[in-house]
PDB file of N, CA and C in Angstrom:
ATOM      1  N   UNK A   1     -15.953 -12.926  -2.900  1.00  0.00           N
ATOM      2  CA  UNK A   1     -15.597 -13.373  -1.562  1.00  0.00           C
ATOM      3  C   UNK A   1     -14.460 -12.551  -0.970  1.00  0.00           C
ATOM      4  N   UNK A   2     -13.549 -12.098  -1.804  1.00  0.00           N
ATOM      5  CA  UNK A   2     -12.409 -11.316  -1.344  1.00  0.00           C
ATOM      6  C   UNK A   2     -12.755  -9.830  -1.376  1.00  0.00           C
ATOM      7  N   UNK A   3     -12.449  -9.148  -0.279  1.00  0.00           N
ATOM      8  CA  UNK A   3     -12.701  -7.721  -0.183  1.00  0.00           C
ATOM      9  C   UNK A   3     -11.511  -7.028   0.462  1.00  0.00           C
ATOM     10  N   UNK A   4     -11.076  -5.929  -0.140  1.00  0.00           N
ATOM     11  CA  UNK A   4      -9.991  -5.115   0.382  1.00  0.00           C
ATOM     12  C   UNK A   4     -10.510  -3.692   0.528  1.00  0.00           C
ATOM     13  N   UNK A   5     -10.440  -3.153   1.743  1.00  0.00           N
ATOM     14  CA  UNK A   5     -10.961  -1.822   2.019  1.00  0.00           C
ATOM     15  C   UNK A   5      -9.877  -0.964   2.646  1.00  0.00           C
ATOM     16  N   UNK A   6      -9.462   0.079   1.929  1.00  0.00           N
ATOM     17  CA  UNK A   6      -8.419   0.977   2.410  1.00  0.00           C
ATOM     18  C   UNK A   6      -9.006   2.098   3.264  1.00  0.00           C
ATOM     19  N   UNK A   7      -8.185   2.614   4.169  1.00  0.00           N
ATOM     20  CA  UNK A   7      -8.554   3.761   4.981  1.00  0.00           C
ATOM     21  C   UNK A   7      -7.279   4.448   5.457  1.00  0.00           C
ATOM     22  N   UNK A   8      -7.424   5.646   5.993  1.00  0.00           N
ATOM     23  CA  UNK A   8      -6.296   6.359   6.558  1.00  0.00           C
ATOM     24  C   UNK A   8      -5.726   7.462   5.690  1.00  0.00           C
ATOM     25  N   UNK A   9      -6.224   7.606   4.479  1.00  0.00           N
ATOM     26  CA  UNK A   9      -5.748   8.668   3.614  1.00  0.00           C
ATOM     27  C   UNK A   9      -6.207  10.027   4.108  1.00  0.00           C
ATOM     28  N   UNK A  10      -5.578  11.072   3.580  1.00  0.00           N
ATOM     29  CA  UNK A  10      -5.929  12.422   3.980  1.00  0.00           C
ATOM     30  C   UNK A  10      -4.925  13.419   3.461  1.00  0.00           C
ATOM     31  N   UNK A  11      -5.000  14.636   3.982  1.00  0.00           N
ATOM     32  CA  UNK A  11      -4.101  15.719   3.592  1.00  0.00           C
ATOM     33  C   UNK A  11      -3.141  16.044   4.721  1.00  0.00           C
ATOM     34  N   UNK A  12      -1.855  16.092   4.395  1.00  0.00           N
ATOM     35  CA  UNK A  12      -0.820  16.412   5.375  1.00  0.00           C
ATOM     36  C   UNK A  12       0.198  17.346   4.749  1.00  0.00           C
ATOM     37  N   UNK A  13       0.969  18.011   5.595  1.00  0.00           N
ATOM     38  CA  UNK A  13       2.043  18.868   5.116  1.00  0.00           C
ATOM     39  C   UNK A  13       3.315  18.052   4.907  1.00  0.00           C
ATOM     40  N   UNK A  14       4.176  18.536   4.035  1.00  0.00           N
ATOM     41  CA  UNK A  14       5.450  17.873   3.791  1.00  0.00           C
ATOM     42  C   UNK A  14       6.197  17.666   5.102  1.00  0.00           C
ATOM     43  N   UNK A  15       6.770  16.480   5.251  1.00  0.00           N
ATOM     44  CA  UNK A  15       7.472  16.136   6.474  1.00  0.00           C
ATOM     45  C   UNK A  15       6.609  15.417   7.485  1.00  0.00           C
ATOM     46  N   UNK A  16       5.312  15.385   7.251  1.00  0.00           N
ATOM     47  CA  UNK A  16       4.393  14.731   8.160  1.00  0.00           C
ATOM     48  C   UNK A  16       4.318  13.237   7.940  1.00  0.00           C
ATOM     49  N   UNK A  17       3.456  12.588   8.717  1.00  0.00           N
ATOM     50  CA  UNK A  17       3.299  11.139   8.660  1.00  0.00           C
ATOM     51  C   UNK A  17       1.844  10.758   8.500  1.00  0.00           C
ATOM     52  N   UNK A  18       1.645   9.572   7.959  1.00  0.00           N
ATOM     53  CA  UNK A  18       0.313   9.047   7.747  1.00  0.00           C
ATOM     54  C   UNK A  18       0.399   7.528   7.737  1.00  0.00           C
ATOM     55  N   UNK A  19      -0.605   6.856   8.276  1.00  0.00           N
ATOM     56  CA  UNK A  19      -0.643   5.397   8.239  1.00  0.00           C
ATOM     57  C   UNK A  19      -1.883   4.929   7.500  1.00  0.00           C
ATOM     58  N   UNK A  20      -1.677   4.184   6.436  1.00  0.00           N
ATOM     59  CA  UNK A  20      -2.761   3.607   5.672  1.00  0.00           C
ATOM     60  C   UNK A  20      -3.062   2.202   6.177  1.00  0.00           C
ATOM     61  N   UNK A  21      -4.331   1.833   6.157  1.00  0.00           N
ATOM     62  CA  UNK A  21      -4.749   0.499   6.562  1.00  0.00           C
ATOM     63  C   UNK A  21      -5.558  -0.147   5.451  1.00  0.00           C
ATOM     64  N   UNK A  22      -5.478  -1.455   5.366  1.00  0.00           N
ATOM     65  CA  UNK A  22      -6.249  -2.224   4.405  1.00  0.00           C
ATOM     66  C   UNK A  22      -6.859  -3.408   5.123  1.00  0.00           C
ATOM     67  N   UNK A  23      -8.172  -3.384   5.288  1.00  0.00           N
ATOM     68  CA  UNK A  23      -8.882  -4.484   5.919  1.00  0.00           C
ATOM     69  C   UNK A  23      -9.223  -5.523   4.858  1.00  0.00           C
ATOM     70  N   UNK A  24      -8.709  -6.719   5.042  1.00  0.00           N
ATOM     71  CA  UNK A  24      -8.895  -7.787   4.068  1.00  0.00           C
ATOM     72  C   UNK A  24      -9.793  -8.878   4.618  1.00  0.00           C
ATOM     73  N   UNK A  25     -10.642  -9.410   3.768  1.00  0.00           N
ATOM     74  CA  UNK A  25     -11.504 -10.524   4.136  1.00  0.00           C
ATOM     75  C   UNK A  25     -11.611 -11.487   2.964  1.00  0.00           C
ATOM     76  N   UNK A  26     -11.783 -12.752   3.281  1.00  0.00           N
ATOM     77  CA  UNK A  26     -11.944 -13.761   2.252  1.00  0.00           C
ATOM     78  C   UNK A  26     -10.660 -14.282   1.639  1.00  0.00           C
ATOM     79  N   UNK A  27      -9.514 -13.842   2.138  1.00  0.00           N
ATOM     80  CA  UNK A  27      -8.239 -14.311   1.604  1.00  0.00           C
ATOM     81  C   UNK A  27      -7.891 -15.682   2.182  1.00  0.00           C
ATOM     82  N   UNK A  28      -7.211 -16.520   1.405  1.00  0.00           N
ATOM     83  CA  UNK A  28      -6.796 -17.825   1.926  1.00  0.00           C
ATOM     84  C   UNK A  28      -5.725 -17.667   2.998  1.00  0.00           C
ATOM     85  N   UNK A  29      -5.564 -18.691   3.831  1.00  0.00           N
ATOM     86  CA  UNK A  29      -4.554 -18.636   4.880  1.00  0.00           C
ATOM     87  C   UNK A  29      -3.146 -18.501   4.306  1.00  0.00           C
ATOM     88  N   UNK A  30      -2.900 -19.186   3.198  1.00  0.00           N
ATOM     89  CA  UNK A  30      -1.594 -19.129   2.552  1.00  0.00           C
ATOM     90  C   UNK A  30      -1.655 -18.186   1.358  1.00  0.00           C
ATOM     91  N   UNK A  31      -1.276 -16.947   1.588  1.00  0.00           N
ATOM     92  CA  UNK A  31      -1.260 -15.958   0.534  1.00  0.00           C
ATOM     93  C   UNK A  31       0.133 -15.736  -0.015  1.00  0.00           C
ATOM     94  N   UNK A  32       0.195 -15.368  -1.279  1.00  0.00           N
ATOM     95  CA  UNK A  32       1.486 -15.130  -1.898  1.00  0.00           C
ATOM     96  C   UNK A  32       2.058 -13.771  -1.513  1.00  0.00           C
ATOM     97  N   UNK A  33       1.192 -12.737  -1.524  1.00  0.00           N
ATOM     98  CA  UNK A  33       1.686 -11.396  -1.255  1.00  0.00           C
ATOM     99  C   UNK A  33       0.541 -10.428  -0.963  1.00  0.00           C
ATOM    100  N   UNK A  34       0.905  -9.290  -0.369  1.00  0.00           N
ATOM    101  CA  UNK A  34       0.015  -8.147  -0.216  1.00  0.00           C
ATOM    102  C   UNK A  34       0.868  -6.905  -0.401  1.00  0.00           C
ATOM    103  N   UNK A  35       0.292  -5.867  -0.964  1.00  0.00           N
ATOM    104  CA  UNK A  35       1.097  -4.681  -1.206  1.00  0.00           C
ATOM    105  C   UNK A  35       0.286  -3.431  -1.449  1.00  0.00           C
ATOM    106  N   UNK A  36       1.011  -2.376  -1.815  1.00  0.00           N
ATOM    107  CA  UNK A  36       0.418  -1.066  -2.075  1.00  0.00           C
ATOM    108  C   UNK A  36       0.892  -0.519  -3.404  1.00  0.00           C
ATOM    109  N   UNK A  37      -0.046  -0.035  -4.199  1.00  0.00           N
ATOM    110  CA  UNK A  37       0.222   0.700  -5.422  1.00  0.00           C
ATOM    111  C   UNK A  37      -0.241   2.137  -5.228  1.00  0.00           C
ATOM    112  N   UNK A  38       0.194   3.023  -6.122  1.00  0.00           N
ATOM    113  CA  UNK A  38      -0.319   4.386  -6.128  1.00  0.00           C
ATOM    114  C   UNK A  38      -0.408   4.883  -7.559  1.00  0.00           C
ATOM    115  N   UNK A  39      -1.290   5.863  -7.780  1.00  0.00           N
ATOM    116  CA  UNK A  39      -1.499   6.376  -9.117  1.00  0.00           C
ATOM    117  C   UNK A  39      -1.849   7.851  -9.100  1.00  0.00           C
ATOM    118  N   UNK A  40      -1.212   8.591  -9.997  1.00  0.00           N
ATOM    119  CA  UNK A  40      -1.525   9.992 -10.247  1.00  0.00           C
ATOM    120  C   UNK A  40      -2.315  10.045 -11.546  1.00  0.00           C
ATOM    121  N   UNK A  41      -3.357  10.877 -11.641  1.00  0.00           N
ATOM    122  CA  UNK A  41      -4.138  10.955 -12.882  1.00  0.00           C
ATOM    123  C   UNK A  41      -3.269  11.173 -14.110  1.00  0.00           C
ATOM    124  N   UNK A  42      -3.514  10.381 -15.154  1.00  0.00           N
ATOM    125  CA  UNK A  42      -2.759  10.495 -16.382  1.00  0.00           C
ATOM    126  C   UNK A  42      -1.483   9.683 -16.419  1.00  0.00           C
ATOM    127  N   UNK A  43      -1.140   9.042 -15.315  1.00  0.00           N
ATOM    128  CA  UNK A  43       0.070   8.242 -15.261  1.00  0.00           C
ATOM    129  C   UNK A  43      -0.256   6.799 -14.874  1.00  0.00           C
ATOM    130  N   UNK A  44       0.682   5.905 -15.147  1.00  0.00           N
ATOM    131  CA  UNK A  44       0.501   4.499 -14.818  1.00  0.00           C
ATOM    132  C   UNK A  44       0.566   4.275 -13.314  1.00  0.00           C
ATOM    133  N   UNK A  45      -0.150   3.247 -12.872  1.00  0.00           N
ATOM    134  CA  UNK A  45      -0.033   2.843 -11.483  1.00  0.00           C
ATOM    135  C   UNK A  45       1.359   2.280 -11.237  1.00  0.00           C
ATOM    136  N   UNK A  46       1.923   2.578 -10.078  1.00  0.00           N
ATOM    137  CA  UNK A  46       3.256   2.109  -9.760  1.00  0.00           C
ATOM    138  C   UNK A  46       3.276   1.422  -8.404  1.00  0.00           C
ATOM    139  N   UNK A  47       4.043   0.354  -8.317  1.00  0.00           N
ATOM    140  CA  UNK A  47       4.181  -0.356  -7.061  1.00  0.00           C
ATOM    141  C   UNK A  47       4.940   0.479  -6.052  1.00  0.00           C
ATOM    142  N   UNK A  48       4.482   0.472  -4.809  1.00  0.00           N
ATOM    143  CA  UNK A  48       5.100   1.234  -3.734  1.00  0.00           C
ATOM    144  C   UNK A  48       5.825   0.318  -2.760  1.00  0.00           C
ATOM    145  N   UNK A  49       5.133  -0.711  -2.311  1.00  0.00           N
ATOM    146  CA  UNK A  49       5.704  -1.654  -1.353  1.00  0.00           C
ATOM    147  C   UNK A  49       4.940  -2.960  -1.418  1.00  0.00           C
ATOM    148  N   UNK A  50       5.617  -4.050  -1.124  1.00  0.00           N
ATOM    149  CA  UNK A  50       4.982  -5.359  -1.119  1.00  0.00           C
ATOM    150  C   UNK A  50       5.624  -6.240  -0.062  1.00  0.00           C
ATOM    151  N   UNK A  51       4.817  -7.086   0.561  1.00  0.00           N
ATOM    152  CA  UNK A  51       5.319  -8.066   1.511  1.00  0.00           C
ATOM    153  C   UNK A  51       4.886  -9.440   1.026  1.00  0.00           C
ATOM    154  N   UNK A  52       5.841 -10.363   0.938  1.00  0.00           N
ATOM    155  CA  UNK A  52       5.593 -11.686   0.408  1.00  0.00           C
ATOM    156  C   UNK A  52       5.360 -12.706   1.514  1.00  0.00           C
ATOM    157  N   UNK A  53       4.895 -13.887   1.121  1.00  0.00           N
ATOM    158  CA  UNK A  53       4.569 -14.928   2.095  1.00  0.00           C
ATOM    159  C   UNK A  53       5.775 -15.395   2.895  1.00  0.00           C
ATOM    160  N   UNK A  54       6.973 -15.252   2.337  1.00  0.00           N
ATOM    161  CA  UNK A  54       8.174 -15.658   3.059  1.00  0.00           C
ATOM    162  C   UNK A  54       8.695 -14.563   3.989  1.00  0.00           C
ATOM    163  N   UNK A  55       7.981 -13.444   4.065  1.00  0.00           N
ATOM    164  CA  UNK A  55       8.362 -12.356   4.943  1.00  0.00           C
ATOM    165  C   UNK A  55       9.229 -11.291   4.308  1.00  0.00           C
ATOM    166  N   UNK A  56       9.696 -11.524   3.118  1.00  0.00           N
ATOM    167  CA  UNK A  56      10.525 -10.537   2.446  1.00  0.00           C
ATOM    168  C   UNK A  56       9.684  -9.354   1.989  1.00  0.00           C
ATOM    169  N   UNK A  57      10.320  -8.217   1.833  1.00  0.00           N
ATOM    170  CA  UNK A  57       9.635  -7.001   1.407  1.00  0.00           C
ATOM    171  C   UNK A  57      10.401  -6.328   0.286  1.00  0.00           C
ATOM    172  N   UNK A  58       9.706  -5.476  -0.444  1.00  0.00           N
ATOM    173  CA  UNK A  58      10.318  -4.701  -1.503  1.00  0.00           C
ATOM    174  C   UNK A  58       9.689  -3.320  -1.504  1.00  0.00           C
ATOM    175  N   UNK A  59      10.521  -2.289  -1.692  1.00  0.00           N
ATOM    176  CA  UNK A  59      10.057  -0.913  -1.719  1.00  0.00           C
ATOM    177  C   UNK A  59      10.531  -0.202  -2.969  1.00  0.00           C
ATOM    178  N   UNK A  60       9.724   0.727  -3.431  1.00  0.00           N
ATOM    179  CA  UNK A  60      10.137   1.586  -4.503  1.00  0.00           C
ATOM    180  C   UNK A  60      11.292   2.445  -3.996  1.00  0.00           C
ATOM    181  N   UNK A  61      12.272   2.687  -4.860  1.00  0.00           N
ATOM    182  CA  UNK A  61      13.467   3.407  -4.440  1.00  0.00           C
ATOM    183  C   UNK A  61      13.144   4.747  -3.773  1.00  0.00           C
ATOM    184  N   UNK A  62      12.158   5.455  -4.293  1.00  0.00           N
ATOM    185  CA  UNK A  62      11.859   6.789  -3.798  1.00  0.00           C
ATOM    186  C   UNK A  62      11.244   6.805  -2.397  1.00  0.00           C
ATOM    187  N   UNK A  63      10.807   5.642  -1.882  1.00  0.00           N
ATOM    188  CA  UNK A  63      10.199   5.599  -0.554  1.00  0.00           C
ATOM    189  C   UNK A  63      11.031   4.830   0.457  1.00  0.00           C
ATOM    190  N   UNK A  64      12.134   4.260   0.041  1.00  0.00           N
ATOM    191  CA  UNK A  64      12.985   3.498   0.950  1.00  0.00           C
ATOM    192  C   UNK A  64      13.471   4.370   2.100  1.00  0.00           C
ATOM    193  N   UNK A  65      13.368   3.840   3.310  1.00  0.00           N
ATOM    194  CA  UNK A  65      13.772   4.580   4.486  1.00  0.00           C
ATOM    195  C   UNK A  65      12.691   5.464   5.050  1.00  0.00           C
ATOM    196  N   UNK A  66      11.593   5.647   4.310  1.00  0.00           N
ATOM    197  CA  UNK A  66      10.499   6.493   4.760  1.00  0.00           C
ATOM    198  C   UNK A  66       9.208   5.718   4.992  1.00  0.00           C
ATOM    199  N   UNK A  67       8.957   4.698   4.177  1.00  0.00           N
ATOM    200  CA  UNK A  67       7.730   3.901   4.268  1.00  0.00           C
ATOM    201  C   UNK A  67       8.042   2.524   4.840  1.00  0.00           C
ATOM    202  N   UNK A  68       7.085   1.964   5.585  1.00  0.00           N
ATOM    203  CA  UNK A  68       7.212   0.620   6.128  1.00  0.00           C
ATOM    204  C   UNK A  68       5.910  -0.140   5.923  1.00  0.00           C
ATOM    205  N   UNK A  69       5.989  -1.306   5.300  1.00  0.00           N
ATOM    206  CA  UNK A  69       4.821  -2.142   5.089  1.00  0.00           C
ATOM    207  C   UNK A  69       4.800  -3.237   6.150  1.00  0.00           C
ATOM    208  N   UNK A  70       3.618  -3.563   6.662  1.00  0.00           N
ATOM    209  CA  UNK A  70       3.490  -4.587   7.690  1.00  0.00           C
ATOM    210  C   UNK A  70       2.090  -5.168   7.686  1.00  0.00           C
ATOM    211  N   UNK A  71       1.920  -6.299   8.381  1.00  0.00           N
ATOM    212  CA  UNK A  71       0.627  -6.943   8.555  1.00  0.00           C
ATOM    213  C   UNK A  71       0.422  -7.245  10.031  1.00  0.00           C
ATOM    214  N   UNK A  72      -0.849  -7.360  10.455  1.00  0.00           N
ATOM    215  CA  UNK A  72      -1.116  -7.694  11.848  1.00  0.00           C
ATOM    216  C   UNK A  72      -0.932  -9.192  12.070  1.00  0.00           C
ATOM    217  N   UNK A  73      -1.038  -9.621  13.335  1.00  0.00           N
ATOM    218  CA  UNK A  73      -0.769 -11.012  13.685  1.00  0.00           C
ATOM    219  C   UNK A  73      -1.696 -11.994  12.984  1.00  0.00           C
ATOM    220  N   UNK A  74      -2.916 -11.580  12.723  1.00  0.00           N
ATOM    221  CA  UNK A  74      -3.888 -12.448  12.059  1.00  0.00           C
ATOM    222  C   UNK A  74      -3.789 -12.363  10.535  1.00  0.00           C
ATOM    223  N   UNK A  75      -2.949 -11.486  10.051  1.00  0.00           N
ATOM    224  CA  UNK A  75      -2.749 -11.277   8.613  1.00  0.00           C
ATOM    225  C   UNK A  75      -4.037 -10.918   7.890  1.00  0.00           C
ATOM    226  N   UNK A  76      -4.903 -10.207   8.605  1.00  0.00           N
ATOM    227  CA  UNK A  76      -6.144  -9.765   7.984  1.00  0.00           C
ATOM    228  C   UNK A  76      -6.175  -8.253   7.761  1.00  0.00           C
ATOM    229  N   UNK A  77      -5.102  -7.578   8.172  1.00  0.00           N
ATOM    230  CA  UNK A  77      -5.003  -6.141   7.967  1.00  0.00           C
ATOM    231  C   UNK A  77      -3.596  -5.780   7.518  1.00  0.00           C
ATOM    232  N   UNK A  78      -3.506  -5.034   6.453  1.00  0.00           N
ATOM    233  CA  UNK A  78      -2.242  -4.570   5.908  1.00  0.00           C
ATOM    234  C   UNK A  78      -2.067  -3.094   6.233  1.00  0.00           C
ATOM    235  N   UNK A  79      -0.828  -2.690   6.537  1.00  0.00           N
ATOM    236  CA  UNK A  79      -0.540  -1.306   6.876  1.00  0.00           C
ATOM    237  C   UNK A  79       0.575  -0.745   6.005  1.00  0.00           C
ATOM    238  N   UNK A  80       0.555   0.561   5.844  1.00  0.00           N
ATOM    239  CA  UNK A  80       1.661   1.270   5.226  1.00  0.00           C
ATOM    240  C   UNK A  80       1.918   2.516   6.059  1.00  0.00           C
ATOM    241  N   UNK A  81       2.995   2.484   6.841  1.00  0.00           N
ATOM    242  CA  UNK A  81       3.391   3.638   7.631  1.00  0.00           C
ATOM    243  C   UNK A  81       4.237   4.540   6.754  1.00  0.00           C
ATOM    244  N   UNK A  82       3.802   5.772   6.565  1.00  0.00           N
ATOM    245  CA  UNK A  82       4.480   6.716   5.690  1.00  0.00           C
ATOM    246  C   UNK A  82       4.994   7.884   6.520  1.00  0.00           C
ATOM    247  N   UNK A  83       6.302   8.036   6.564  1.00  0.00           N
ATOM    248  CA  UNK A  83       6.942   9.117   7.300  1.00  0.00           C
ATOM    249  C   UNK A  83       7.682  10.039   6.337  1.00  0.00           C
ATOM    250  N   UNK A  84       8.003  11.226   6.808  1.00  0.00           N
ATOM    251  CA  UNK A  84       8.733  12.210   6.001  1.00  0.00           C
ATOM    252  C   UNK A  84       8.101  12.370   4.624  1.00  0.00           C
ATOM    253  N   UNK A  85       6.810  12.547   4.602  1.00  0.00           N
ATOM    254  CA  UNK A  85       6.075  12.631   3.345  1.00  0.00           C
ATOM    255  C   UNK A  85       6.501  13.834   2.509  1.00  0.00           C
ATOM    256  N   UNK A  86       6.494  13.631   1.199  1.00  0.00           N
ATOM    257  CA  UNK A  86       6.885  14.651   0.238  1.00  0.00           C
ATOM    258  C   UNK A  86       5.724  14.912  -0.719  1.00  0.00           C
ATOM    259  N   UNK A  87       5.697  16.085  -1.359  1.00  0.00           N
ATOM    260  CA  UNK A  87       4.637  16.354  -2.337  1.00  0.00           C
ATOM    261  C   UNK A  87       4.556  15.297  -3.434  1.00  0.00           C
ATOM    262  N   UNK A  88       5.687  14.700  -3.800  1.00  0.00           N
ATOM    263  CA  UNK A  88       5.717  13.657  -4.812  1.00  0.00           C
ATOM    264  C   UNK A  88       5.008  12.376  -4.405  1.00  0.00           C
ATOM    265  N   UNK A  89       4.667  12.248  -3.129  1.00  0.00           N
ATOM    266  CA  UNK A  89       3.926  11.082  -2.653  1.00  0.00           C
ATOM    267  C   UNK A  89       2.426  11.237  -2.874  1.00  0.00           C
ATOM    268  N   UNK A  90       1.977  12.397  -3.286  1.00  0.00           N
ATOM    269  CA  UNK A  90       0.557  12.642  -3.526  1.00  0.00           C
ATOM    270  C   UNK A  90       0.037  11.713  -4.617  1.00  0.00           C
ATOM    271  N   UNK A  91      -0.990  10.936  -4.293  1.00  0.00           N
ATOM    272  CA  UNK A  91      -1.542   9.962  -5.232  1.00  0.00           C
ATOM    273  C   UNK A  91      -2.720   9.247  -4.588  1.00  0.00           C
ATOM    274  N   UNK A  92      -3.432   8.471  -5.397  1.00  0.00           N
ATOM    275  CA  UNK A  92      -4.412   7.533  -4.882  1.00  0.00           C
ATOM    276  C   UNK A  92      -3.666   6.243  -4.571  1.00  0.00           C
ATOM    277  N   UNK A  93      -3.811   5.758  -3.355  1.00  0.00           N
ATOM    278  CA  UNK A  93      -3.124   4.551  -2.932  1.00  0.00           C
ATOM    279  C   UNK A  93      -4.085   3.369  -2.892  1.00  0.00           C
ATOM    280  N   UNK A  94      -3.649   2.247  -3.469  1.00  0.00           N
ATOM    281  CA  UNK A  94      -4.470   1.053  -3.570  1.00  0.00           C
ATOM    282  C   UNK A  94      -3.828  -0.118  -2.845  1.00  0.00           C
ATOM    283  N   UNK A  95      -4.638  -0.896  -2.180  1.00  0.00           N
ATOM    284  CA  UNK A  95      -4.222  -2.131  -1.553  1.00  0.00           C
ATOM    285  C   UNK A  95      -4.388  -3.264  -2.565  1.00  0.00           C
ATOM    286  N   UNK A  96      -3.397  -4.140  -2.649  1.00  0.00           N
ATOM    287  CA  UNK A  96      -3.463  -5.285  -3.559  1.00  0.00           C
ATOM    288  C   UNK A  96      -3.109  -6.552  -2.808  1.00  0.00           C
ATOM    289  N   UNK A  97      -3.583  -7.688  -3.328  1.00  0.00           N
ATOM    290  CA  UNK A  97      -3.318  -8.970  -2.679  1.00  0.00           C
ATOM    291  C   UNK A  97      -3.381 -10.115  -3.668  1.00  0.00           C
ATOM    292  N   UNK A  98      -2.595 -11.134  -3.389  1.00  0.00           N
ATOM    293  CA  UNK A  98      -2.634 -12.425  -4.091  1.00  0.00           C
ATOM    294  C   UNK A  98      -2.316 -12.344  -5.578  1.00  0.00           C
ATOM    295  N   UNK A  99      -1.570 -11.358  -5.981  1.00  0.00           N
ATOM    296  CA  UNK A  99      -1.239 -11.207  -7.373  1.00  0.00           C
ATOM    297  C   UNK A  99       0.162 -11.688  -7.708  1.00  0.00           C
ATOM    298  N   UNK A 100       0.405 -11.849  -8.993  1.00  0.00           N
ATOM    299  CA  UNK A 100       1.734 -12.201  -9.442  1.00  0.00           C
ATOM    300  C   UNK A 100       2.513 -10.950  -9.784  1.00  0.00           C
ATOM    301  N   UNK A 101       3.702 -11.169 -10.284  1.00  0.00           N
ATOM    302  CA  UNK A 101       4.536 -10.047 -10.668  1.00  0.00           C
ATOM    303  C   UNK A 101       5.338  -9.485  -9.511  1.00  0.00           C
ATOM    304  N   UNK A 102       6.211  -8.575  -9.834  1.00  0.00           N
ATOM    305  CA  UNK A 102       7.125  -8.000  -8.849  1.00  0.00           C
ATOM    306  C   UNK A 102       6.409  -7.274  -7.720  1.00  0.00           C
ATOM    307  N   UNK A 103       5.303  -6.583  -8.041  1.00  0.00           N
ATOM    308  CA  UNK A 103       4.612  -5.751  -7.062  1.00  0.00           C
ATOM    309  C   UNK A 103       3.254  -6.283  -6.619  1.00  0.00           C
ATOM    310  N   UNK A 104       2.945  -7.527  -6.921  1.00  0.00           N
ATOM    311  CA  UNK A 104       1.705  -8.166  -6.463  1.00  0.00           C
ATOM    312  C   UNK A 104       0.469  -7.502  -7.067  1.00  0.00           C
ATOM    313  N   UNK A 105       0.590  -6.992  -8.267  1.00  0.00           N
ATOM    314  CA  UNK A 105      -0.494  -6.236  -8.862  1.00  0.00           C
ATOM    315  C   UNK A 105      -1.428  -6.994  -9.784  1.00  0.00           C
ATOM    316  N   UNK A 106      -1.288  -8.301  -9.873  1.00  0.00           N
ATOM    317  CA  UNK A 106      -2.096  -9.093 -10.797  1.00  0.00           C
ATOM    318  C   UNK A 106      -3.229  -9.846 -10.115  1.00  0.00           C
ATOM    319  N   UNK A 107      -3.594  -9.456  -8.905  1.00  0.00           N
ATOM    320  CA  UNK A 107      -4.657 -10.134  -8.186  1.00  0.00           C
ATOM    321  C   UNK A 107      -5.807  -9.221  -7.827  1.00  0.00           C
ATOM    322  N   UNK A 108      -6.147  -9.155  -6.539  1.00  0.00           N
ATOM    323  CA  UNK A 108      -7.263  -8.355  -6.065  1.00  0.00           C
ATOM    324  C   UNK A 108      -6.841  -6.924  -5.757  1.00  0.00           C
ATOM    325  N   UNK A 109      -7.768  -5.999  -5.956  1.00  0.00           N
ATOM    326  CA  UNK A 109      -7.531  -4.568  -5.721  1.00  0.00           C
ATOM    327  C   UNK A 109      -8.623  -3.960  -4.861  1.00  0.00           C
ATOM    328  N   UNK A 110      -8.241  -3.003  -4.024  1.00  0.00           N
ATOM    329  CA  UNK A 110      -9.210  -2.244  -3.266  1.00  0.00           C
ATOM    330  C   UNK A 110      -9.669  -1.035  -4.064  1.00  0.00           C
ATOM    331  N   UNK A 111     -10.495  -0.187  -3.447  1.00  0.00           N
ATOM    332  CA  UNK A 111     -11.041   0.983  -4.125  1.00  0.00           C
ATOM    333  C   UNK A 111     -10.126   2.193  -4.074  1.00  0.00           C
ATOM    334  N   UNK A 112      -9.172   2.207  -3.157  1.00  0.00           N
ATOM    335  CA  UNK A 112      -8.210   3.285  -3.067  1.00  0.00           C
ATOM    336  C   UNK A 112      -8.527   4.307  -1.988  1.00  0.00           C
ATOM    337  N   UNK A 113      -7.487   4.992  -1.530  1.00  0.00           N
ATOM    338  CA  UNK A 113      -7.624   6.079  -0.568  1.00  0.00           C
ATOM    339  C   UNK A 113      -6.665   7.190  -0.969  1.00  0.00           C
ATOM    340  N   UNK A 114      -7.149   8.421  -0.976  1.00  0.00           N
ATOM    341  CA  UNK A 114      -6.369   9.549  -1.475  1.00  0.00           C
ATOM    342  C   UNK A 114      -5.398  10.070  -0.426  1.00  0.00           C
ATOM    343  N   UNK A 115      -4.162  10.306  -0.857  1.00  0.00           N
ATOM    344  CA  UNK A 115      -3.137  10.928  -0.021  1.00  0.00           C
ATOM    345  C   UNK A 115      -2.670  12.199  -0.712  1.00  0.00           C
ATOM    346  N   UNK A 116      -2.735  13.317  -0.007  1.00  0.00           N
ATOM    347  CA  UNK A 116      -2.309  14.597  -0.556  1.00  0.00           C
ATOM    348  C   UNK A 116      -1.293  15.229   0.383  1.00  0.00           C
ATOM    349  N   UNK A 117      -0.128  15.574  -0.159  1.00  0.00           N
ATOM    350  CA  UNK A 117       0.949  16.165   0.634  1.00  0.00           C
ATOM    351  C   UNK A 117       1.250  17.556   0.084  1.00  0.00           C
ATOM    352  N   UNK A 118       1.105  18.554   0.911  1.00  0.00           N
ATOM    353  CA  UNK A 118       1.346  19.932   0.503  1.00  0.00           C
ATOM    354  C   UNK A 118       2.732  20.378   0.939  1.00  0.00           C
ATOM    355  N   UNK A 119       3.307  21.314   0.196  1.00  0.00           N
ATOM    356  CA  UNK A 119       4.638  21.813   0.500  1.00  0.00           C
ATOM    357  C   UNK A 119       4.598  22.961   1.483  1.00  0.00           C
TER     358      UNK A 119
END
C-alpha cells in the first residue's frame, strides 16, 4: 500500500544545485518521520536529513547549511534541496518514511535516485 518514488537526480558540477523529490502514497495521516539516506557502493547507507512529525529536523554534519529538507502542504511529497554540491555528495539517494531510529531508516524505502557531482 505504501509507495515512495524518488526523482530529480542527475549530474551536476561542483557548486551547483539540485532538488530531489519523493512522491509518497499510502502513508497514514499521522506519520512519525520522513527522510533521505544516501549510499556509495561498498559503503554503508548513511542518513542525510530527516523531518519528524513535530516539525523538527536533523542533518548530517557534512550537509548542514547546504541541504534543506521539506514537505508540501498535503505532506504527500518530500523534498531535498541541495545547494553548493560537492563531489563527496555523489551517491544514490533514497527516500525513507515511517521508520524508527535517529534517521528514520527502519521503515519504508524508495528505489533511489542517482546524484553525481563532478569537480
